[in-house]
Structure formats: structure tokens, C-alpha cells
Amino acid sequence: MSYPEFAYFIIGLSHETPLGRIIAVRAENDPKVIKEFTPQQRKIRNDYRTKMAKKKSKESVASTLEGLQKAFVAMAKDENA
């Protein structure tokens, strides 16, 4: 099965299935909801975020930082104009 086909099936999972619940916990970004997580849910989310952070390449991080630097420089120029 190709990844796009797999992703198509995953998107349709209900939050009522075990895998669907794990995906929902990993994807949650609402601080109010995260605050109510159980310790097990926090561990699932934190483990996943740590794993994904380790996968980011140095080039990707450098590119993101360069973009932020350019944005700050542009904002500083606009304020001084």
C-alpha cells in the first residue's frame, strides 16, 4: 500500500478507535484540551513531538531560522521608516 493510500484511510478513522484516539492526542494543539490530558495522553503526545523534532534536518532548521531573521529585519526597517 502506498503512503498516500494509507494516509487516506487514516484520515477517515473515528476518534472512537484506539488508533484514532492516539492520532487525536498526537495532533492536539489546544492548550485547554492538553491541560486536561491524562499522564498517559501527555506521554503519547510528548513522545511523538520529540520523535518528530529529531527528524527535522539541520538544513530545515537553518532555513526556518534564516526566514525568521529576515522577517525581524524587515519589521525593524518598517518601524524605523
PDB file of N, CA and C in Angstrom:
ATOM      1  N   MET A   1       0.845  -1.170   0.000  1.00  0.00           N
ATOM      2  CA  MET A   1       0.000   0.000   0.000  1.00  0.00           C
ATOM      3  C   MET A   1       0.898   1.242   0.000  1.00  0.00           C
ATOM      4  N   SER A   2       0.574   2.191  -0.840  1.00  0.00           N
ATOM      5  CA  SER A   2       1.366   3.416  -0.913  1.00  0.00           C
ATOM      6  C   SER A   2       1.026   4.319   0.276  1.00  0.00           C
ATOM      7  N   TYR A   3       1.940   5.265   0.567  1.00  0.00           N
ATOM      8  CA  TYR A   3       1.693   6.166   1.682  1.00  0.00           C
ATOM      9  C   TYR A   3       0.439   7.019   1.464  1.00  0.00           C
ATOM     10  N   PRO A   4       0.236   7.603   0.267  1.00  0.00           N
ATOM     11  CA  PRO A   4      -0.990   8.398   0.078  1.00  0.00           C
ATOM     12  C   PRO A   4      -2.261   7.580   0.326  1.00  0.00           C
ATOM     13  N   GLU A   5      -2.251   6.320  -0.081  1.00  0.00           N
ATOM     14  CA  GLU A   5      -3.411   5.465   0.166  1.00  0.00           C
ATOM     15  C   GLU A   5      -3.579   5.214   1.663  1.00  0.00           C
ATOM     16  N   PHE A   6      -2.476   4.949   2.352  1.00  0.00           N
ATOM     17  CA  PHE A   6      -2.504   4.737   3.797  1.00  0.00           C
ATOM     18  C   PHE A   6      -3.031   5.991   4.506  1.00  0.00           C
ATOM     19  N   ALA A   7      -2.511   7.158   4.110  1.00  0.00           N
ATOM     20  CA  ALA A   7      -2.932   8.421   4.726  1.00  0.00           C
ATOM     21  C   ALA A   7      -4.421   8.665   4.503  1.00  0.00           C
ATOM     22  N   TYR A   8      -4.920   8.292   3.344  1.00  0.00           N
ATOM     23  CA  TYR A   8      -6.342   8.452   3.044  1.00  0.00           C
ATOM     24  C   TYR A   8      -7.194   7.652   4.035  1.00  0.00           C
ATOM     25  N   PHE A   9      -6.766   6.447   4.338  1.00  0.00           N
ATOM     26  CA  PHE A   9      -7.519   5.613   5.273  1.00  0.00           C
ATOM     27  C   PHE A   9      -7.404   6.127   6.705  1.00  0.00           C
ATOM     28  N   ILE A  10      -6.245   6.619   7.075  1.00  0.00           N
ATOM     29  CA  ILE A  10      -6.029   7.133   8.434  1.00  0.00           C
ATOM     30  C   ILE A  10      -6.912   8.350   8.697  1.00  0.00           C
ATOM     31  N   ILE A  11      -7.052   9.215   7.708  1.00  0.00           N
ATOM     32  CA  ILE A  11      -7.852  10.431   7.864  1.00  0.00           C
ATOM     33  C   ILE A  11      -9.289  10.086   8.241  1.00  0.00           C
ATOM     34  N   GLY A  12      -9.781   8.989   7.735  1.00  0.00           N
ATOM     35  CA  GLY A  12     -11.165   8.612   7.986  1.00  0.00           C
ATOM     36  C   GLY A  12     -11.410   7.885   9.299  1.00  0.00           C
ATOM     37  N   LEU A  13     -10.370   7.671  10.097  1.00  0.00           N
ATOM     38  CA  LEU A  13     -10.556   6.950  11.352  1.00  0.00           C
ATOM     39  C   LEU A  13     -11.374   7.759  12.346  1.00  0.00           C
ATOM     40  N   SER A  14     -12.252   7.078  13.028  1.00  0.00           N
ATOM     41  CA  SER A  14     -13.045   7.705  14.080  1.00  0.00           C
ATOM     42  C   SER A  14     -12.199   7.868  15.337  1.00  0.00           C
ATOM     43  N   HIS A  15     -12.497   8.902  16.126  1.00  0.00           N
ATOM     44  CA  HIS A  15     -11.810   9.101  17.404  1.00  0.00           C
ATOM     45  C   HIS A  15     -12.195   8.019  18.411  1.00  0.00           C
ATOM     46  N   GLU A  16     -13.142   7.191  18.040  1.00  0.00           N
ATOM     47  CA  GLU A  16     -13.594   6.129  18.940  1.00  0.00           C
ATOM     48  C   GLU A  16     -12.745   4.861  18.831  1.00  0.00           C
ATOM     49  N   THR A  17     -11.868   4.786  17.832  1.00  0.00           N
ATOM     50  CA  THR A  17     -10.990   3.629  17.693  1.00  0.00           C
ATOM     51  C   THR A  17      -9.702   3.896  18.467  1.00  0.00           C
ATOM     52  N   PRO A  18      -9.010   2.861  18.922  1.00  0.00           N
ATOM     53  CA  PRO A  18      -7.749   3.083  19.646  1.00  0.00           C
ATOM     54  C   PRO A  18      -6.739   3.898  18.839  1.00  0.00           C
ATOM     55  N   LEU A  19      -6.559   3.566  17.570  1.00  0.00           N
ATOM     56  CA  LEU A  19      -5.604   4.319  16.744  1.00  0.00           C
ATOM     57  C   LEU A  19      -6.085   5.748  16.525  1.00  0.00           C
ATOM     58  N   GLY A  20      -7.371   5.922  16.345  1.00  0.00           N
ATOM     59  CA  GLY A  20      -7.938   7.256  16.175  1.00  0.00           C
ATOM     60  C   GLY A  20      -7.715   8.131  17.397  1.00  0.00           C
ATOM     61  N   ARG A  21      -7.827   7.539  18.584  1.00  0.00           N
ATOM     62  CA  ARG A  21      -7.589   8.300  19.821  1.00  0.00           C
ATOM     63  C   ARG A  21      -6.127   8.727  19.924  1.00  0.00           C
ATOM     64  N   ILE A  22      -5.210   7.829  19.560  1.00  0.00           N
ATOM     65  CA  ILE A  22      -3.783   8.163  19.599  1.00  0.00           C
ATOM     66  C   ILE A  22      -3.471   9.286  18.614  1.00  0.00           C
ATOM     67  N   ILE A  23      -4.017   9.209  17.423  1.00  0.00           N
ATOM     68  CA  ILE A  23      -3.795  10.252  16.418  1.00  0.00           C
ATOM     69  C   ILE A  23      -4.345  11.586  16.919  1.00  0.00           C
ATOM     70  N   ALA A  24      -5.518  11.563  17.536  1.00  0.00           N
ATOM     71  CA  ALA A  24      -6.116  12.794  18.060  1.00  0.00           C
ATOM     72  C   ALA A  24      -5.243  13.404  19.157  1.00  0.00           C
ATOM     73  N   VAL A  25      -4.689  12.574  20.031  1.00  0.00           N
ATOM     74  CA  VAL A  25      -3.817  13.062  21.106  1.00  0.00           C
ATOM     75  C   VAL A  25      -2.551  13.663  20.511  1.00  0.00           C
ATOM     76  N   ARG A  26      -1.962  12.996  19.539  1.00  0.00           N
ATOM     77  CA  ARG A  26      -0.731  13.496  18.921  1.00  0.00           C
ATOM     78  C   ARG A  26      -0.949  14.823  18.209  1.00  0.00           C
ATOM     79  N   ALA A  27      -2.131  15.004  17.620  1.00  0.00           N
ATOM     80  CA  ALA A  27      -2.398  16.184  16.801  1.00  0.00           C
ATOM     81  C   ALA A  27      -2.961  17.358  17.593  1.00  0.00           C
ATOM     82  N   GLU A  28      -3.330  17.149  18.833  1.00  0.00           N
ATOM     83  CA  GLU A  28      -3.990  18.208  19.618  1.00  0.00           C
ATOM     84  C   GLU A  28      -3.047  19.389  19.860  1.00  0.00           C
ATOM     85  N   ASN A  29      -3.565  20.606  19.655  1.00  0.00           N
ATOM     86  CA  ASN A  29      -2.783  21.818  19.873  1.00  0.00           C
ATOM     87  C   ASN A  29      -3.483  22.810  20.792  1.00  0.00           C
ATOM     88  N   ASP A  30      -4.702  22.523  21.197  1.00  0.00           N
ATOM     89  CA  ASP A  30      -5.453  23.426  22.062  1.00  0.00           C
ATOM     90  C   ASP A  30      -4.944  23.302  23.499  1.00  0.00           C
ATOM     91  N   PRO A  31      -4.349  24.375  24.049  1.00  0.00           N
ATOM     92  CA  PRO A  31      -3.788  24.303  25.405  1.00  0.00           C
ATOM     93  C   PRO A  31      -4.812  23.903  26.463  1.00  0.00           C
ATOM     94  N   LYS A  32      -6.065  24.304  26.283  1.00  0.00           N
ATOM     95  CA  LYS A  32      -7.112  23.940  27.251  1.00  0.00           C
ATOM     96  C   LYS A  32      -7.363  22.437  27.251  1.00  0.00           C
ATOM     97  N   VAL A  33      -7.352  21.831  26.078  1.00  0.00           N
ATOM     98  CA  VAL A  33      -7.558  20.386  25.964  1.00  0.00           C
ATOM     99  C   VAL A  33      -6.336  19.649  26.498  1.00  0.00           C
ATOM    100  N   ILE A  34      -5.143  20.116  26.141  1.00  0.00           N
ATOM    101  CA  ILE A  34      -3.901  19.476  26.580  1.00  0.00           C
ATOM    102  C   ILE A  34      -3.792  19.506  28.102  1.00  0.00           C
ATOM    103  N   LYS A  35      -4.253  20.587  28.705  1.00  0.00           N
ATOM    104  CA  LYS A  35      -4.208  20.716  30.162  1.00  0.00           C
ATOM    105  C   LYS A  35      -5.019  19.609  30.843  1.00  0.00           C
ATOM    106  N   GLU A  36      -6.048  19.128  30.168  1.00  0.00           N
ATOM    107  CA  GLU A  36      -6.924  18.098  30.732  1.00  0.00           C
ATOM    108  C   GLU A  36      -6.463  16.669  30.398  1.00  0.00           C
ATOM    109  N   PHE A  37      -5.371  16.531  29.668  1.00  0.00           N
ATOM    110  CA  PHE A  37      -4.860  15.200  29.309  1.00  0.00           C
ATOM    111  C   PHE A  37      -4.487  14.407  30.559  1.00  0.00           C
ATOM    112  N   THR A  38      -4.637  13.108  30.436  1.00  0.00           N
ATOM    113  CA  THR A  38      -4.153  12.210  31.481  1.00  0.00           C
ATOM    114  C   THR A  38      -2.637  12.106  31.337  1.00  0.00           C
ATOM    115  N   PRO A  39      -1.949  11.608  32.360  1.00  0.00           N
ATOM    116  CA  PRO A  39      -0.499  11.423  32.220  1.00  0.00           C
ATOM    117  C   PRO A  39      -0.131  10.548  31.015  1.00  0.00           C
ATOM    118  N   GLN A  40      -0.938   9.524  30.740  1.00  0.00           N
ATOM    119  CA  GLN A  40      -0.655   8.652  29.595  1.00  0.00           C
ATOM    120  C   GLN A  40      -0.808   9.426  28.280  1.00  0.00           C
ATOM    121  N   GLN A  41      -1.824  10.265  28.166  1.00  0.00           N
ATOM    122  CA  GLN A  41      -2.012  11.062  26.955  1.00  0.00           C
ATOM    123  C   GLN A  41      -0.860  12.054  26.771  1.00  0.00           C
ATOM    124  N   ARG A  42      -0.427  12.664  27.866  1.00  0.00           N
ATOM    125  CA  ARG A  42       0.712  13.587  27.789  1.00  0.00           C
ATOM    126  C   ARG A  42       1.955  12.864  27.289  1.00  0.00           C
ATOM    127  N   LYS A  43       2.183  11.653  27.793  1.00  0.00           N
ATOM    128  CA  LYS A  43       3.347  10.871  27.370  1.00  0.00           C
ATOM    129  C   LYS A  43       3.267  10.550  25.877  1.00  0.00           C
ATOM    130  N   ILE A  44       2.103  10.142  25.412  1.00  0.00           N
ATOM    131  CA  ILE A  44       1.923   9.835  23.980  1.00  0.00           C
ATOM    132  C   ILE A  44       2.252  11.064  23.145  1.00  0.00           C
ATOM    133  N   ARG A  45       1.700  12.220  23.527  1.00  0.00           N
ATOM    134  CA  ARG A  45       1.917  13.452  22.762  1.00  0.00           C
ATOM    135  C   ARG A  45       3.376  13.894  22.824  1.00  0.00           C
ATOM    136  N   ASN A  46       3.966  13.866  24.016  1.00  0.00           N
ATOM    137  CA  ASN A  46       5.350  14.309  24.159  1.00  0.00           C
ATOM    138  C   ASN A  46       6.327  13.388  23.431  1.00  0.00           C
ATOM    139  N   ASP A  47       6.107  12.084  23.510  1.00  0.00           N
ATOM    140  CA  ASP A  47       6.977  11.138  22.792  1.00  0.00           C
ATOM    141  C   ASP A  47       6.919  11.387  21.295  1.00  0.00           C
ATOM    142  N   TYR A  48       5.720  11.619  20.774  1.00  0.00           N
ATOM    143  CA  TYR A  48       5.556  11.858  19.343  1.00  0.00           C
ATOM    144  C   TYR A  48       6.236  13.165  18.927  1.00  0.00           C
ATOM    145  N   ARG A  49       6.029  14.228  19.706  1.00  0.00           N
ATOM    146  CA  ARG A  49       6.637  15.521  19.371  1.00  0.00           C
ATOM    147  C   ARG A  49       8.159  15.447  19.423  1.00  0.00           C
ATOM    148  N   THR A  50       8.694  14.705  20.387  1.00  0.00           N
ATOM    149  CA  THR A  50      10.141  14.532  20.483  1.00  0.00           C
ATOM    150  C   THR A  50      10.670  13.785  19.262  1.00  0.00           C
ATOM    151  N   LYS A  51       9.969  12.741  18.881  1.00  0.00           N
ATOM    152  CA  LYS A  51      10.375  11.951  17.708  1.00  0.00           C
ATOM    153  C   LYS A  51      10.363  12.817  16.447  1.00  0.00           C
ATOM    154  N   MET A  52       9.337  13.624  16.270  1.00  0.00           N
ATOM    155  CA  MET A  52       9.237  14.460  15.077  1.00  0.00           C
ATOM    156  C   MET A  52      10.298  15.562  15.080  1.00  0.00           C
ATOM    157  N   ALA A  53      10.613  16.098  16.247  1.00  0.00           N
ATOM    158  CA  ALA A  53      11.636  17.136  16.334  1.00  0.00           C
ATOM    159  C   ALA A  53      13.003  16.586  15.943  1.00  0.00           C
ATOM    160  N   LYS A  54      13.275  15.343  16.303  1.00  0.00           N
ATOM    161  CA  LYS A  54      14.559  14.726  15.966  1.00  0.00           C
ATOM    162  C   LYS A  54      14.695  14.483  14.473  1.00  0.00           C
ATOM    163  N   LYS A  55      13.575  14.374  13.770  1.00  0.00           N
ATOM    164  CA  LYS A  55      13.605  14.111  12.337  1.00  0.00           C
ATOM    165  C   LYS A  55      13.897  15.356  11.509  1.00  0.00           C
ATOM    166  N   LYS A  56      13.747  16.518  12.101  1.00  0.00           N
ATOM    167  CA  LYS A  56      13.999  17.748  11.344  1.00  0.00           C
ATOM    168  C   LYS A  56      15.483  17.841  11.019  1.00  0.00           C
ATOM    169  N   SER A  57      15.768  18.137   9.787  1.00  0.00           N
ATOM    170  CA  SER A  57      17.158  18.222   9.366  1.00  0.00           C
ATOM    171  C   SER A  57      17.768  19.555   9.798  1.00  0.00           C
ATOM    172  N   LYS A  58      19.077  19.578   9.883  1.00  0.00           N
ATOM    173  CA  LYS A  58      19.774  20.817  10.232  1.00  0.00           C
ATOM    174  C   LYS A  58      19.505  21.888   9.182  1.00  0.00           C
ATOM    175  N   GLU A  59      19.402  21.477   7.923  1.00  0.00           N
ATOM    176  CA  GLU A  59      19.139  22.435   6.855  1.00  0.00           C
ATOM    177  C   GLU A  59      17.754  23.056   7.012  1.00  0.00           C
ATOM    178  N   SER A  60      16.783  22.244   7.397  1.00  0.00           N
ATOM    179  CA  SER A  60      15.427  22.731   7.593  1.00  0.00           C
ATOM    180  C   SER A  60      15.377  23.734   8.736  1.00  0.00           C
ATOM    181  N   VAL A  61      16.041  23.418   9.827  1.00  0.00           N
ATOM    182  CA  VAL A  61      16.080  24.325  10.974  1.00  0.00           C
ATOM    183  C   VAL A  61      16.796  25.620  10.592  1.00  0.00           C
ATOM    184  N   ALA A  62      17.913  25.508   9.900  1.00  0.00           N
ATOM    185  CA  ALA A  62      18.673  26.696   9.482  1.00  0.00           C
ATOM    186  C   ALA A  62      17.833  27.560   8.548  1.00  0.00           C
ATOM    187  N   SER A  63      17.102  26.940   7.645  1.00  0.00           N
ATOM    188  CA  SER A  63      16.257  27.675   6.719  1.00  0.00           C
ATOM    189  C   SER A  63      15.149  28.415   7.463  1.00  0.00           C
ATOM    190  N   THR A  64      14.543  27.760   8.431  1.00  0.00           N
ATOM    191  CA  THR A  64      13.490  28.394   9.230  1.00  0.00           C
ATOM    192  C   THR A  64      14.047  29.578  10.012  1.00  0.00           C
ATOM    193  N   LEU A  65      15.194  29.394  10.633  1.00  0.00           N
ATOM    194  CA  LEU A  65      15.810  30.482  11.396  1.00  0.00           C
ATOM    195  C   LEU A  65      16.182  31.658  10.490  1.00  0.00           C
ATOM    196  N   GLU A  66      16.667  31.357   9.296  1.00  0.00           N
ATOM    197  CA  GLU A  66      17.008  32.421   8.342  1.00  0.00           C
ATOM    198  C   GLU A  66      15.766  33.207   7.951  1.00  0.00           C
ATOM    199  N   GLY A  67      14.670  32.495   7.738  1.00  0.00           N
ATOM    200  CA  GLY A  67      13.411  33.167   7.406  1.00  0.00           C
ATOM    201  C   GLY A  67      12.930  34.067   8.536  1.00  0.00           C
ATOM    202  N   LEU A  68      13.056  33.596   9.765  1.00  0.00           N
ATOM    203  CA  LEU A  68      12.671  34.413  10.917  1.00  0.00           C
ATOM    204  C   LEU A  68      13.551  35.653  11.025  1.00  0.00           C
ATOM    205  N   GLN A  69      14.846  35.472  10.798  1.00  0.00           N
ATOM    206  CA  GLN A  69      15.772  36.595  10.869  1.00  0.00           C
ATOM    207  C   GLN A  69      15.401  37.660   9.834  1.00  0.00           C
ATOM    208  N   LYS A  70      15.103  37.232   8.628  1.00  0.00           N
ATOM    209  CA  LYS A  70      14.714  38.174   7.575  1.00  0.00           C
ATOM    210  C   LYS A  70      13.425  38.906   7.947  1.00  0.00           C
ATOM    211  N   ALA A  71      12.481  38.189   8.547  1.00  0.00           N
ATOM    212  CA  ALA A  71      11.221  38.809   8.948  1.00  0.00           C
ATOM    213  C   ALA A  71      11.449  39.869  10.018  1.00  0.00           C
ATOM    214  N   PHE A  72      12.301  39.567  11.005  1.00  0.00           N
ATOM    215  CA  PHE A  72      12.594  40.545  12.051  1.00  0.00           C
ATOM    216  C   PHE A  72      13.312  41.768  11.485  1.00  0.00           C
ATOM    217  N   VAL A  73      14.233  41.549  10.566  1.00  0.00           N
ATOM    218  CA  VAL A  73      14.937  42.676   9.944  1.00  0.00           C
ATOM    219  C   VAL A  73      13.948  43.553   9.176  1.00  0.00           C
ATOM    220  N   ALA A  74      13.041  42.927   8.453  1.00  0.00           N
ATOM    221  CA  ALA A  74      12.045  43.683   7.698  1.00  0.00           C
ATOM    222  C   ALA A  74      11.136  44.475   8.639  1.00  0.00           C
ATOM    223  N   MET A  75      10.729  43.884   9.770  1.00  0.00           N
ATOM    224  CA  MET A  75       9.892  44.588  10.728  1.00  0.00           C
ATOM    225  C   MET A  75      10.634  45.773  11.328  1.00  0.00           C
ATOM    226  N   ALA A  76      11.919  45.584  11.623  1.00  0.00           N
ATOM    227  CA  ALA A  76      12.727  46.667  12.207  1.00  0.00           C
ATOM    228  C   ALA A  76      12.870  47.812  11.206  1.00  0.00           C
ATOM    229  N   LYS A  77      13.031  47.502   9.933  1.00  0.00           N
ATOM    230  CA  LYS A  77      13.139  48.542   8.913  1.00  0.00           C
ATOM    231  C   LYS A  77      11.839  49.313   8.791  1.00  0.00           C
ATOM    232  N   ASP A  78      10.689  48.605   8.866  1.00  0.00           N
ATOM    233  CA  ASP A  78       9.384  49.258   8.772  1.00  0.00           C
ATOM    234  C   ASP A  78       9.149  50.214   9.943  1.00  0.00           C
ATOM    235  N   GLU A  79       9.604  49.836  11.133  1.00  0.00           N
ATOM    236  CA  GLU A  79       9.427  50.688  12.312  1.00  0.00           C
ATOM    237  C   GLU A  79      10.274  51.953  12.226  1.00  0.00           C
ATOM    238  N   ASN A  80      11.458  51.825  11.636  1.00  0.00           N
ATOM    239  CA  ASN A  80      12.373  52.967  11.549  1.00  0.00           C
ATOM    240  C   ASN A  80      12.060  53.895  10.380  1.00  0.00           C
ATOM    241  N   ALA A  81      11.210  53.475   9.484  1.00  0.00           N
ATOM    242  CA  ALA A  81      10.909  54.285   8.299  1.00  0.00           C
ATOM    243  C   ALA A  81       9.939  55.409   8.589  1.00  0.00           C
TER     244      ALA A  81
END
